[in-house]
Amino acid sequence: MWMDEKEISKEMYEKCLKDDKKEFWSLIVDSQYAYEYCENVKNRPEVRKNITDSEWAYHYCLFVKDRPEIRKHITKSKYAYWYCKDIEDRPEIRKHITKSKYAYWYCKDIEDRPEIRKHIK
């Protein structure tokens, strides 16, 4: 029986914690484990490229390093808001704040912008 990506990632991440070998790196394909590897083991480009989920991309930019190739994956409203609030208010991230709740908090906490305010219901 084949394991799904998350199981492969978790297994490889745990192997890398014990014995960090190049043949395991490409098997860490789940965003969460790729992030955990980069934060806890070593920030390798081969693993870092698998951080594509908004939540883990935000965490990487906040706690490891704000990199454009990771930042571009922050597309969910919640994490776009937190990125703009906690790291930097960038137009390419701000445009993803489209959910009413996060648009409201953006206008309240950061800056009242018409292009964001229009999403408040």
PDB file of N, CA and C in Angstrom:
ATOM      1  N   MET A   1       0.844  -1.184   0.000  1.00  0.00           N
ATOM      2  CA  MET A   1       0.000   0.000   0.000  1.00  0.00           C
ATOM      3  C   MET A   1       0.890   1.249   0.000  1.00  0.00           C
ATOM      4  N   TRP A   2       0.573   2.202  -0.872  1.00  0.00           N
ATOM      5  CA  TRP A   2       1.341   3.444  -0.973  1.00  0.00           C
ATOM      6  C   TRP A   2       0.916   4.422   0.102  1.00  0.00           C
ATOM      7  N   MET A   3       1.872   5.158   0.603  1.00  0.00           N
ATOM      8  CA  MET A   3       1.563   6.201   1.577  1.00  0.00           C
ATOM      9  C   MET A   3       1.230   7.491   0.832  1.00  0.00           C
ATOM     10  N   ASP A   4       0.413   8.319   1.450  1.00  0.00           N
ATOM     11  CA  ASP A   4       0.146   9.606   0.812  1.00  0.00           C
ATOM     12  C   ASP A   4       1.308  10.563   1.089  1.00  0.00           C
ATOM     13  N   GLU A   5       1.261  11.738   0.462  1.00  0.00           N
ATOM     14  CA  GLU A   5       2.375  12.689   0.573  1.00  0.00           C
ATOM     15  C   GLU A   5       2.679  13.078   2.007  1.00  0.00           C
ATOM     16  N   LYS A   6       1.632  13.297   2.804  1.00  0.00           N
ATOM     17  CA  LYS A   6       1.860  13.724   4.184  1.00  0.00           C
ATOM     18  C   LYS A   6       2.578  12.638   4.976  1.00  0.00           C
ATOM     19  N   GLU A   7       2.209  11.369   4.756  1.00  0.00           N
ATOM     20  CA  GLU A   7       2.877  10.284   5.462  1.00  0.00           C
ATOM     21  C   GLU A   7       4.342  10.181   5.031  1.00  0.00           C
ATOM     22  N   ILE A   8       4.588  10.314   3.731  1.00  0.00           N
ATOM     23  CA  ILE A   8       5.967  10.287   3.237  1.00  0.00           C
ATOM     24  C   ILE A   8       6.739  11.450   3.859  1.00  0.00           C
ATOM     25  N   SER A   9       6.148  12.616   3.845  1.00  0.00           N
ATOM     26  CA  SER A   9       6.818  13.792   4.402  1.00  0.00           C
ATOM     27  C   SER A   9       7.138  13.607   5.874  1.00  0.00           C
ATOM     28  N   LYS A  10       6.149  13.141   6.633  1.00  0.00           N
ATOM     29  CA  LYS A  10       6.365  12.985   8.070  1.00  0.00           C
ATOM     30  C   LYS A  10       7.470  11.954   8.324  1.00  0.00           C
ATOM     31  N   GLU A  11       7.395  10.843   7.617  1.00  0.00           N
ATOM     32  CA  GLU A  11       8.399   9.797   7.780  1.00  0.00           C
ATOM     33  C   GLU A  11       9.793  10.326   7.413  1.00  0.00           C
ATOM     34  N   MET A  12       9.898  11.037   6.294  1.00  0.00           N
ATOM     35  CA  MET A  12      11.195  11.557   5.861  1.00  0.00           C
ATOM     36  C   MET A  12      11.684  12.658   6.801  1.00  0.00           C
ATOM     37  N   TYR A  13      10.761  13.500   7.263  1.00  0.00           N
ATOM     38  CA  TYR A  13      11.129  14.551   8.221  1.00  0.00           C
ATOM     39  C   TYR A  13      11.718  13.916   9.483  1.00  0.00           C
ATOM     40  N   GLU A  14      11.062  12.871   9.975  1.00  0.00           N
ATOM     41  CA  GLU A  14      11.560  12.193  11.178  1.00  0.00           C
ATOM     42  C   GLU A  14      12.909  11.526  10.923  1.00  0.00           C
ATOM     43  N   LYS A  15      13.096  10.962   9.719  1.00  0.00           N
ATOM     44  CA  LYS A  15      14.400  10.379   9.378  1.00  0.00           C
ATOM     45  C   LYS A  15      15.478  11.457   9.329  1.00  0.00           C
ATOM     46  N   CYS A  16      15.120  12.625   8.793  1.00  0.00           N
ATOM     47  CA  CYS A  16      16.090  13.726   8.712  1.00  0.00           C
ATOM     48  C   CYS A  16      16.454  14.251  10.093  1.00  0.00           C
ATOM     49  N   LEU A  17      15.531  14.157  11.036  1.00  0.00           N
ATOM     50  CA  LEU A  17      15.866  14.567  12.408  1.00  0.00           C
ATOM     51  C   LEU A  17      16.942  13.651  12.985  1.00  0.00           C
ATOM     52  N   LYS A  18      16.890  12.384  12.591  1.00  0.00           N
ATOM     53  CA  LYS A  18      17.862  11.403  13.093  1.00  0.00           C
ATOM     54  C   LYS A  18      19.137  11.380  12.252  1.00  0.00           C
ATOM     55  N   ASP A  19      18.945  11.381  10.932  1.00  0.00           N
ATOM     56  CA  ASP A  19      20.083  11.230  10.028  1.00  0.00           C
ATOM     57  C   ASP A  19      19.783  12.016   8.752  1.00  0.00           C
ATOM     58  N   ASP A  20      20.264  13.249   8.703  1.00  0.00           N
ATOM     59  CA  ASP A  20      19.934  14.168   7.611  1.00  0.00           C
ATOM     60  C   ASP A  20      20.710  13.783   6.342  1.00  0.00           C
ATOM     61  N   LYS A  21      20.029  13.080   5.438  1.00  0.00           N
ATOM     62  CA  LYS A  21      20.667  12.631   4.196  1.00  0.00           C
ATOM     63  C   LYS A  21      19.959  13.220   2.979  1.00  0.00           C
ATOM     64  N   LYS A  22      20.748  13.520   1.982  1.00  0.00           N
ATOM     65  CA  LYS A  22      20.247  14.148   0.762  1.00  0.00           C
ATOM     66  C   LYS A  22      19.105  13.361   0.112  1.00  0.00           C
ATOM     67  N   GLU A  23      19.148  12.044   0.136  1.00  0.00           N
ATOM     68  CA  GLU A  23      18.106  11.252  -0.527  1.00  0.00           C
ATOM     69  C   GLU A  23      16.727  11.415   0.130  1.00  0.00           C
ATOM     70  N   PHE A  24      16.677  11.928   1.363  1.00  0.00           N
ATOM     71  CA  PHE A  24      15.397  12.140   2.031  1.00  0.00           C
ATOM     72  C   PHE A  24      14.784  13.507   1.696  1.00  0.00           C
ATOM     73  N   TRP A  25      15.625  14.471   1.364  1.00  0.00           N
ATOM     74  CA  TRP A  25      15.157  15.852   1.215  1.00  0.00           C
ATOM     75  C   TRP A  25      14.009  16.001   0.238  1.00  0.00           C
ATOM     76  N   SER A  26      14.112  15.397  -0.945  1.00  0.00           N
ATOM     77  CA  SER A  26      13.084  15.565  -1.967  1.00  0.00           C
ATOM     78  C   SER A  26      11.770  14.873  -1.596  1.00  0.00           C
ATOM     79  N   LEU A  27      11.804  14.029  -0.566  1.00  0.00           N
ATOM     80  CA  LEU A  27      10.595  13.328  -0.146  1.00  0.00           C
ATOM     81  C   LEU A  27       9.804  14.093   0.914  1.00  0.00           C
ATOM     82  N   ILE A  28      10.336  15.222   1.352  1.00  0.00           N
ATOM     83  CA  ILE A  28       9.592  16.071   2.287  1.00  0.00           C
ATOM     84  C   ILE A  28       8.772  17.037   1.431  1.00  0.00           C
ATOM     85  N   VAL A  29       7.582  16.599   1.057  1.00  0.00           N
ATOM     86  CA  VAL A  29       6.780  17.355   0.094  1.00  0.00           C
ATOM     87  C   VAL A  29       5.596  18.085   0.721  1.00  0.00           C
ATOM     88  N   ASP A  30       5.212  17.757   1.918  1.00  0.00           N
ATOM     89  CA  ASP A  30       4.095  18.433   2.579  1.00  0.00           C
ATOM     90  C   ASP A  30       4.590  19.761   3.164  1.00  0.00           C
ATOM     91  N   SER A  31       3.814  20.830   2.972  1.00  0.00           N
ATOM     92  CA  SER A  31       4.219  22.166   3.426  1.00  0.00           C
ATOM     93  C   SER A  31       4.594  22.219   4.899  1.00  0.00           C
ATOM     94  N   GLN A  32       3.804  21.568   5.746  1.00  0.00           N
ATOM     95  CA  GLN A  32       4.070  21.629   7.183  1.00  0.00           C
ATOM     96  C   GLN A  32       5.430  21.023   7.519  1.00  0.00           C
ATOM     97  N   TYR A  33       5.722  19.859   6.973  1.00  0.00           N
ATOM     98  CA  TYR A  33       6.993  19.212   7.303  1.00  0.00           C
ATOM     99  C   TYR A  33       8.162  19.896   6.621  1.00  0.00           C
ATOM    100  N   ALA A  34       7.939  20.447   5.442  1.00  0.00           N
ATOM    101  CA  ALA A  34       9.002  21.216   4.787  1.00  0.00           C
ATOM    102  C   ALA A  34       9.349  22.434   5.642  1.00  0.00           C
ATOM    103  N   TYR A  35       8.311  23.104   6.160  1.00  0.00           N
ATOM    104  CA  TYR A  35       8.545  24.255   7.045  1.00  0.00           C
ATOM    105  C   TYR A  35       9.290  23.819   8.301  1.00  0.00           C
ATOM    106  N   GLU A  36       8.805  22.756   8.942  1.00  0.00           N
ATOM    107  CA  GLU A  36       9.429  22.292  10.176  1.00  0.00           C
ATOM    108  C   GLU A  36      10.889  21.895   9.941  1.00  0.00           C
ATOM    109  N   TYR A  37      11.155  21.263   8.817  1.00  0.00           N
ATOM    110  CA  TYR A  37      12.529  20.894   8.477  1.00  0.00           C
ATOM    111  C   TYR A  37      13.397  22.150   8.350  1.00  0.00           C
ATOM    112  N   CYS A  38      12.913  23.124   7.592  1.00  0.00           N
ATOM    113  CA  CYS A  38      13.697  24.350   7.365  1.00  0.00           C
ATOM    114  C   CYS A  38      13.922  25.114   8.659  1.00  0.00           C
ATOM    115  N   GLU A  39      12.937  25.108   9.540  1.00  0.00           N
ATOM    116  CA  GLU A  39      13.086  25.827  10.800  1.00  0.00           C
ATOM    117  C   GLU A  39      13.954  25.050  11.795  1.00  0.00           C
ATOM    118  N   ASN A  40      13.775  23.735  11.869  1.00  0.00           N
ATOM    119  CA  ASN A  40      14.406  22.949  12.934  1.00  0.00           C
ATOM    120  C   ASN A  40      15.680  22.214  12.536  1.00  0.00           C
ATOM    121  N   VAL A  41      15.828  21.877  11.260  1.00  0.00           N
ATOM    122  CA  VAL A  41      16.990  21.098  10.837  1.00  0.00           C
ATOM    123  C   VAL A  41      17.938  21.991  10.044  1.00  0.00           C
ATOM    124  N   LYS A  42      17.574  22.305   8.818  1.00  0.00           N
ATOM    125  CA  LYS A  42      18.409  23.171   7.985  1.00  0.00           C
ATOM    126  C   LYS A  42      17.538  23.779   6.895  1.00  0.00           C
ATOM    127  N   ASN A  43      17.767  25.029   6.610  1.00  0.00           N
ATOM    128  CA  ASN A  43      16.976  25.770   5.631  1.00  0.00           C
ATOM    129  C   ASN A  43      17.506  25.488   4.216  1.00  0.00           C
ATOM    130  N   ARG A  44      17.145  24.335   3.687  1.00  0.00           N
ATOM    131  CA  ARG A  44      17.663  23.903   2.384  1.00  0.00           C
ATOM    132  C   ARG A  44      16.694  24.286   1.262  1.00  0.00           C
ATOM    133  N   PRO A  45      17.207  24.825   0.139  1.00  0.00           N
ATOM    134  CA  PRO A  45      16.337  25.181  -0.992  1.00  0.00           C
ATOM    135  C   PRO A  45      15.548  23.992  -1.531  1.00  0.00           C
ATOM    136  N   GLU A  46      16.143  22.796  -1.499  1.00  0.00           N
ATOM    137  CA  GLU A  46      15.469  21.603  -2.013  1.00  0.00           C
ATOM    138  C   GLU A  46      14.212  21.275  -1.222  1.00  0.00           C
ATOM    139  N   VAL A  47      14.193  21.625   0.042  1.00  0.00           N
ATOM    140  CA  VAL A  47      13.034  21.370   0.900  1.00  0.00           C
ATOM    141  C   VAL A  47      12.130  22.601   0.915  1.00  0.00           C
ATOM    142  N   ARG A  48      12.739  23.761   1.007  1.00  0.00           N
ATOM    143  CA  ARG A  48      12.010  25.030   1.092  1.00  0.00           C
ATOM    144  C   ARG A  48      11.029  25.210  -0.065  1.00  0.00           C
ATOM    145  N   LYS A  49      11.372  24.718  -1.252  1.00  0.00           N
ATOM    146  CA  LYS A  49      10.499  24.883  -2.420  1.00  0.00           C
ATOM    147  C   LYS A  49       9.146  24.190  -2.244  1.00  0.00           C
ATOM    148  N   ASN A  50       9.036  23.289  -1.273  1.00  0.00           N
ATOM    149  CA  ASN A  50       7.777  22.581  -1.030  1.00  0.00           C
ATOM    150  C   ASN A  50       6.863  23.293  -0.046  1.00  0.00           C
ATOM    151  N   ILE A  51       7.247  24.457   0.413  1.00  0.00           N
ATOM    152  CA  ILE A  51       6.382  25.238   1.299  1.00  0.00           C
ATOM    153  C   ILE A  51       5.456  26.067   0.410  1.00  0.00           C
ATOM    154  N   THR A  52       4.300  25.501   0.112  1.00  0.00           N
ATOM    155  CA  THR A  52       3.381  26.149  -0.830  1.00  0.00           C
ATOM    156  C   THR A  52       2.020  26.457  -0.212  1.00  0.00           C
ATOM    157  N   ASP A  53       1.763  26.000   0.983  1.00  0.00           N
ATOM    158  CA  ASP A  53       0.499  26.267   1.662  1.00  0.00           C
ATOM    159  C   ASP A  53       0.575  27.641   2.331  1.00  0.00           C
ATOM    160  N   SER A  54      -0.511  28.415   2.267  1.00  0.00           N
ATOM    161  CA  SER A  54      -0.530  29.774   2.823  1.00  0.00           C
ATOM    162  C   SER A  54      -0.087  29.839   4.278  1.00  0.00           C
ATOM    163  N   GLU A  55      -0.600  28.942   5.093  1.00  0.00           N
ATOM    164  CA  GLU A  55      -0.277  28.965   6.522  1.00  0.00           C
ATOM    165  C   GLU A  55       1.219  28.778   6.758  1.00  0.00           C
ATOM    166  N   TRP A  56       1.790  27.767   6.123  1.00  0.00           N
ATOM    167  CA  TRP A  56       3.200  27.470   6.364  1.00  0.00           C
ATOM    168  C   TRP A  56       4.107  28.471   5.672  1.00  0.00           C
ATOM    169  N   ALA A  57       3.676  29.038   4.562  1.00  0.00           N
ATOM    170  CA  ALA A  57       4.450  30.101   3.907  1.00  0.00           C
ATOM    171  C   ALA A  57       4.505  31.333   4.821  1.00  0.00           C
ATOM    172  N   TYR A  58       3.372  31.660   5.441  1.00  0.00           N
ATOM    173  CA  TYR A  58       3.335  32.786   6.385  1.00  0.00           C
ATOM    174  C   TYR A  58       4.281  32.522   7.554  1.00  0.00           C
ATOM    175  N   HIS A  59       4.206  31.331   8.136  1.00  0.00           N
ATOM    176  CA  HIS A  59       5.075  30.993   9.266  1.00  0.00           C
ATOM    177  C   HIS A  59       6.553  31.064   8.861  1.00  0.00           C
ATOM    178  N   TYR A  60       6.859  30.583   7.678  1.00  0.00           N
ATOM    179  CA  TYR A  60       8.248  30.636   7.201  1.00  0.00           C
ATOM    180  C   TYR A  60       8.704  32.094   7.107  1.00  0.00           C
ATOM    181  N   CYS A  61       7.891  32.934   6.471  1.00  0.00           N
ATOM    182  CA  CYS A  61       8.267  34.351   6.311  1.00  0.00           C
ATOM    183  C   CYS A  61       8.397  35.052   7.655  1.00  0.00           C
ATOM    184  N   LEU A  62       7.568  34.678   8.613  1.00  0.00           N
ATOM    185  CA  LEU A  62       7.602  35.310   9.930  1.00  0.00           C
ATOM    186  C   LEU A  62       8.771  34.814  10.779  1.00  0.00           C
ATOM    187  N   PHE A  63       8.986  33.513  10.818  1.00  0.00           N
ATOM    188  CA  PHE A  63       9.938  32.941  11.762  1.00  0.00           C
ATOM    189  C   PHE A  63      11.301  32.553  11.180  1.00  0.00           C
ATOM    190  N   VAL A  64      11.370  32.313   9.870  1.00  0.00           N
ATOM    191  CA  VAL A  64      12.641  31.895   9.284  1.00  0.00           C
ATOM    192  C   VAL A  64      13.232  33.043   8.470  1.00  0.00           C
ATOM    193  N   LYS A  65      12.628  33.341   7.319  1.00  0.00           N
ATOM    194  CA  LYS A  65      13.104  34.455   6.488  1.00  0.00           C
ATOM    195  C   LYS A  65      12.015  34.818   5.476  1.00  0.00           C
ATOM    196  N   ASP A  66      11.803  36.095   5.281  1.00  0.00           N
ATOM    197  CA  ASP A  66      10.811  36.568   4.315  1.00  0.00           C
ATOM    198  C   ASP A  66      11.435  36.508   2.918  1.00  0.00           C
ATOM    199  N   ARG A  67      11.069  35.483   2.168  1.00  0.00           N
ATOM    200  CA  ARG A  67      11.610  35.274   0.820  1.00  0.00           C
ATOM    201  C   ARG A  67      10.485  35.405  -0.203  1.00  0.00           C
ATOM    202  N   PRO A  68      10.741  36.089  -1.328  1.00  0.00           N
ATOM    203  CA  PRO A  68       9.694  36.263  -2.349  1.00  0.00           C
ATOM    204  C   PRO A  68       9.139  34.946  -2.886  1.00  0.00           C
ATOM    205  N   GLU A  69       9.996  33.936  -3.050  1.00  0.00           N
ATOM    206  CA  GLU A  69       9.520  32.665  -3.606  1.00  0.00           C
ATOM    207  C   GLU A  69       8.619  31.909  -2.629  1.00  0.00           C
ATOM    208  N   ILE A  70       8.698  32.225  -1.358  1.00  0.00           N
ATOM    209  CA  ILE A  70       7.803  31.638  -0.356  1.00  0.00           C
ATOM    210  C   ILE A  70       6.586  32.544  -0.181  1.00  0.00           C
ATOM    211  N   ARG A  71       6.829  33.840  -0.105  1.00  0.00           N
ATOM    212  CA  ARG A  71       5.777  34.837   0.097  1.00  0.00           C
ATOM    213  C   ARG A  71       4.668  34.726  -0.945  1.00  0.00           C
ATOM    214  N   LYS A  72       5.019  34.390  -2.176  1.00  0.00           N
ATOM    215  CA  LYS A  72       4.022  34.331  -3.253  1.00  0.00           C
ATOM    216  C   LYS A  72       2.927  33.292  -2.988  1.00  0.00           C
ATOM    217  N   HIS A  73       3.156  32.376  -2.058  1.00  0.00           N
ATOM    218  CA  HIS A  73       2.165  31.353  -1.747  1.00  0.00           C
ATOM    219  C   HIS A  73       1.162  31.801  -0.682  1.00  0.00           C
ATOM    220  N   ILE A  74       1.327  32.994  -0.150  1.00  0.00           N
ATOM    221  CA  ILE A  74       0.389  33.503   0.854  1.00  0.00           C
ATOM    222  C   ILE A  74      -0.795  34.113   0.102  1.00  0.00           C
ATOM    223  N   THR A  75      -1.796  33.293  -0.121  1.00  0.00           N
ATOM    224  CA  THR A  75      -2.937  33.712  -0.935  1.00  0.00           C
ATOM    225  C   THR A  75      -4.265  33.635  -0.190  1.00  0.00           C
ATOM    226  N   LYS A  76      -4.292  33.022   0.971  1.00  0.00           N
ATOM    227  CA  LYS A  76      -5.538  32.956   1.743  1.00  0.00           C
ATOM    228  C   LYS A  76      -5.685  34.236   2.547  1.00  0.00           C
ATOM    229  N   SER A  77      -6.919  34.735   2.609  1.00  0.00           N
ATOM    230  CA  SER A  77      -7.230  35.996   3.265  1.00  0.00           C
ATOM    231  C   SER A  77      -6.643  36.108   4.673  1.00  0.00           C
ATOM    232  N   LYS A  78      -6.834  35.082   5.469  1.00  0.00           N
ATOM    233  CA  LYS A  78      -6.372  35.083   6.866  1.00  0.00           C
ATOM    234  C   LYS A  78      -4.867  35.326   6.953  1.00  0.00           C
ATOM    235  N   TYR A  79      -4.095  34.576   6.165  1.00  0.00           N
ATOM    236  CA  TYR A  79      -2.640  34.689   6.257  1.00  0.00           C
ATOM    237  C   TYR A  79      -2.124  35.932   5.543  1.00  0.00           C
ATOM    238  N   ALA A  80      -2.843  36.395   4.541  1.00  0.00           N
ATOM    239  CA  ALA A  80      -2.487  37.655   3.889  1.00  0.00           C
ATOM    240  C   ALA A  80      -2.629  38.807   4.893  1.00  0.00           C
ATOM    241  N   TYR A  81      -3.732  38.783   5.651  1.00  0.00           N
ATOM    242  CA  TYR A  81      -3.933  39.808   6.684  1.00  0.00           C
ATOM    243  C   TYR A  81      -2.801  39.752   7.709  1.00  0.00           C
ATOM    244  N   TRP A  82      -2.501  38.568   8.214  1.00  0.00           N
ATOM    245  CA  TRP A  82      -1.458  38.442   9.235  1.00  0.00           C
ATOM    246  C   TRP A  82      -0.086  38.839   8.688  1.00  0.00           C
ATOM    247  N   TYR A  83       0.185  38.501   7.432  1.00  0.00           N
ATOM    248  CA  TYR A  83       1.454  38.909   6.829  1.00  0.00           C
ATOM    249  C   TYR A  83       1.541  40.435   6.817  1.00  0.00           C
ATOM    250  N   CYS A  84       0.494  41.092   6.324  1.00  0.00           N
ATOM    251  CA  CYS A  84       0.498  42.564   6.247  1.00  0.00           C
ATOM    252  C   CYS A  84       0.600  43.188   7.631  1.00  0.00           C
ATOM    253  N   LYS A  85      -0.014  42.575   8.620  1.00  0.00           N
ATOM    254  CA  LYS A  85       0.016  43.119   9.982  1.00  0.00           C
ATOM    255  C   LYS A  85       1.360  42.852  10.657  1.00  0.00           C
ATOM    256  N   ASP A  86       1.865  41.624  10.542  1.00  0.00           N
ATOM    257  CA  ASP A  86       3.048  41.224  11.313  1.00  0.00           C
ATOM    258  C   ASP A  86       4.380  41.456  10.608  1.00  0.00           C
ATOM    259  N   ILE A  87       4.381  41.436   9.278  1.00  0.00           N
ATOM    260  CA  ILE A  87       5.656  41.490   8.563  1.00  0.00           C
ATOM    261  C   ILE A  87       5.776  42.785   7.762  1.00  0.00           C
ATOM    262  N   GLU A  88       4.984  42.910   6.704  1.00  0.00           N
ATOM    263  CA  GLU A  88       5.045  44.116   5.870  1.00  0.00           C
ATOM    264  C   GLU A  88       3.767  44.213   5.035  1.00  0.00           C
ATOM    265  N   ASP A  89       3.222  45.404   4.951  1.00  0.00           N
ATOM    266  CA  ASP A  89       2.012  45.630   4.154  1.00  0.00           C
ATOM    267  C   ASP A  89       2.423  45.762   2.690  1.00  0.00           C
ATOM    268  N   ARG A  90       2.347  44.659   1.964  1.00  0.00           N
ATOM    269  CA  ARG A  90       2.784  44.611   0.566  1.00  0.00           C
ATOM    270  C   ARG A  90       1.557  44.478  -0.342  1.00  0.00           C
ATOM    271  N   PRO A  91       1.501  45.253  -1.436  1.00  0.00           N
ATOM    272  CA  PRO A  91       0.341  45.191  -2.333  1.00  0.00           C
ATOM    273  C   PRO A  91       0.068  43.801  -2.909  1.00  0.00           C
ATOM    274  N   GLU A  92       1.123  43.051  -3.228  1.00  0.00           N
ATOM    275  CA  GLU A  92       0.915  41.727  -3.825  1.00  0.00           C
ATOM    276  C   GLU A  92       0.333  40.731  -2.828  1.00  0.00           C
ATOM    277  N   ILE A  93       0.486  41.011  -1.545  1.00  0.00           N
ATOM    278  CA  ILE A  93      -0.126  40.169  -0.507  1.00  0.00           C
ATOM    279  C   ILE A  93      -1.493  40.730  -0.141  1.00  0.00           C
ATOM    280  N   ARG A  94      -1.563  42.029   0.003  1.00  0.00           N
ATOM    281  CA  ARG A  94      -2.801  42.722   0.386  1.00  0.00           C
ATOM    282  C   ARG A  94      -3.963  42.368  -0.538  1.00  0.00           C
ATOM    283  N   LYS A  95      -3.691  42.177  -1.819  1.00  0.00           N
ATOM    284  CA  LYS A  95      -4.764  41.905  -2.785  1.00  0.00           C
ATOM    285  C   LYS A  95      -5.528  40.615  -2.470  1.00  0.00           C
ATOM    286  N   HIS A  96      -4.954  39.753  -1.631  1.00  0.00           N
ATOM    287  CA  HIS A  96      -5.607  38.491  -1.276  1.00  0.00           C
ATOM    288  C   HIS A  96      -6.545  38.629  -0.074  1.00  0.00           C
ATOM    289  N   ILE A  97      -6.610  39.806   0.502  1.00  0.00           N
ATOM    290  CA  ILE A  97      -7.518  40.017   1.639  1.00  0.00           C
ATOM    291  C   ILE A  97      -8.900  40.325   1.075  1.00  0.00           C
ATOM    292  N   THR A  98      -9.680  39.285   0.922  1.00  0.00           N
ATOM    293  CA  THR A  98     -10.998  39.429   0.287  1.00  0.00           C
ATOM    294  C   THR A  98     -12.144  38.963   1.179  1.00  0.00           C
ATOM    295  N   LYS A  99     -11.867  38.243   2.241  1.00  0.00           N
ATOM    296  CA  LYS A  99     -12.931  37.801   3.152  1.00  0.00           C
ATOM    297  C   LYS A  99     -13.300  38.950   4.081  1.00  0.00           C
ATOM    298  N   SER A 100     -14.588  39.114   4.301  1.00  0.00           N
ATOM    299  CA  SER A 100     -15.125  40.235   5.065  1.00  0.00           C
ATOM    300  C   SER A 100     -14.431  40.441   6.412  1.00  0.00           C
ATOM    301  N   LYS A 101     -14.288  39.386   7.168  1.00  0.00           N
ATOM    302  CA  LYS A 101     -13.687  39.464   8.507  1.00  0.00           C
ATOM    303  C   LYS A 101     -12.270  40.046   8.456  1.00  0.00           C
ATOM    304  N   TYR A 102     -11.460  39.556   7.536  1.00  0.00           N
ATOM    305  CA  TYR A 102     -10.064  40.018   7.461  1.00  0.00           C
ATOM    306  C   TYR A 102      -9.960  41.378   6.797  1.00  0.00           C
ATOM    307  N   ALA A 103     -10.874  41.698   5.894  1.00  0.00           N
ATOM    308  CA  ALA A 103     -10.919  43.038   5.302  1.00  0.00           C
ATOM    309  C   ALA A 103     -11.236  44.063   6.394  1.00  0.00           C
ATOM    310  N   TYR A 104     -12.196  43.724   7.257  1.00  0.00           N
ATOM    311  CA  TYR A 104     -12.555  44.603   8.372  1.00  0.00           C
ATOM    312  C   TYR A 104     -11.335  44.854   9.268  1.00  0.00           C
ATOM    313  N   TRP A 105     -10.661  43.783   9.669  1.00  0.00           N
ATOM    314  CA  TRP A 105      -9.521  43.932  10.570  1.00  0.00           C
ATOM    315  C   TRP A 105      -8.361  44.661   9.893  1.00  0.00           C
ATOM    316  N   TYR A 106      -8.182  44.455   8.601  1.00  0.00           N
ATOM    317  CA  TYR A 106      -7.137  45.185   7.880  1.00  0.00           C
ATOM    318  C   TYR A 106      -7.429  46.683   7.946  1.00  0.00           C
ATOM    319  N   CYS A 107      -8.662  47.067   7.604  1.00  0.00           N
ATOM    320  CA  CYS A 107      -9.031  48.496   7.606  1.00  0.00           C
ATOM    321  C   CYS A 107      -8.959  49.085   9.009  1.00  0.00           C
ATOM    322  N   LYS A 108      -9.284  48.302  10.010  1.00  0.00           N
ATOM    323  CA  LYS A 108      -9.246  48.780  11.390  1.00  0.00           C
ATOM    324  C   LYS A 108      -7.808  48.866  11.916  1.00  0.00           C
ATOM    325  N   ASP A 109      -7.019  47.821  11.687  1.00  0.00           N
ATOM    326  CA  ASP A 109      -5.687  47.724  12.306  1.00  0.00           C
ATOM    327  C   ASP A 109      -4.544  48.311  11.486  1.00  0.00           C
ATOM    328  N   ILE A 110      -4.667  48.287  10.162  1.00  0.00           N
ATOM    329  CA  ILE A 110      -3.521  48.664   9.329  1.00  0.00           C
ATOM    330  C   ILE A 110      -3.791  49.973   8.591  1.00  0.00           C
ATOM    331  N   GLU A 111      -4.700  49.937   7.635  1.00  0.00           N
ATOM    332  CA  GLU A 111      -5.016  51.148   6.877  1.00  0.00           C
ATOM    333  C   GLU A 111      -6.373  50.972   6.202  1.00  0.00           C
ATOM    334  N   ASP A 112      -7.189  52.015   6.273  1.00  0.00           N
ATOM    335  CA  ASP A 112      -8.511  51.962   5.647  1.00  0.00           C
ATOM    336  C   ASP A 112      -8.352  52.249   4.151  1.00  0.00           C
ATOM    337  N   ARG A 113      -8.381  51.191   3.367  1.00  0.00           N
ATOM    338  CA  ARG A 113      -8.203  51.302   1.913  1.00  0.00           C
ATOM    339  C   ARG A 113      -9.497  50.898   1.216  1.00  0.00           C
ATOM    340  N   PRO A 114      -9.917  51.675   0.225  1.00  0.00           N
ATOM    341  CA  PRO A 114     -11.177  51.361  -0.469  1.00  0.00           C
ATOM    342  C   PRO A 114     -11.175  49.985  -1.140  1.00  0.00           C
ATOM    343  N   GLU A 115     -10.028  49.579  -1.704  1.00  0.00           N
ATOM    344  CA  GLU A 115      -9.978  48.282  -2.388  1.00  0.00           C
ATOM    345  C   GLU A 115     -10.105  47.114  -1.415  1.00  0.00           C
ATOM    346  N   ILE A 116      -9.830  47.360  -0.140  1.00  0.00           N
ATOM    347  CA  ILE A 116     -10.022  46.330   0.894  1.00  0.00           C
ATOM    348  C   ILE A 116     -11.412  46.488   1.509  1.00  0.00           C
ATOM    349  N   ARG A 117     -11.801  47.725   1.779  1.00  0.00           N
ATOM    350  CA  ARG A 117     -13.083  48.003   2.412  1.00  0.00           C
ATOM    351  C   ARG A 117     -14.254  47.439   1.609  1.00  0.00           C
ATOM    352  N   LYS A 118     -14.132  47.386   0.295  1.00  0.00           N
ATOM    353  CA  LYS A 118     -15.226  46.903  -0.552  1.00  0.00           C
ATOM    354  C   LYS A 118     -15.597  45.428  -0.263  1.00  0.00           C
ATOM    355  N   HIS A 119     -14.702  44.707   0.424  1.00  0.00           N
ATOM    356  CA  HIS A 119     -14.970  43.307   0.752  1.00  0.00           C
ATOM    357  C   HIS A 119     -15.700  43.130   2.079  1.00  0.00           C
ATOM    358  N   ILE A 120     -15.881  44.238   2.827  1.00  0.00           N
ATOM    359  CA  ILE A 120     -16.560  44.161   4.111  1.00  0.00           C
ATOM    360  C   ILE A 120     -18.073  44.132   3.870  1.00  0.00           C
ATOM    361  N   LYS A 121     -18.688  43.080   4.403  1.00  0.00           N
ATOM    362  CA  LYS A 121     -20.145  42.920   4.234  1.00  0.00           C
ATOM    363  C   LYS A 121     -20.867  43.193   5.507  1.00  0.00           C
TER     364      LYS A 121
END
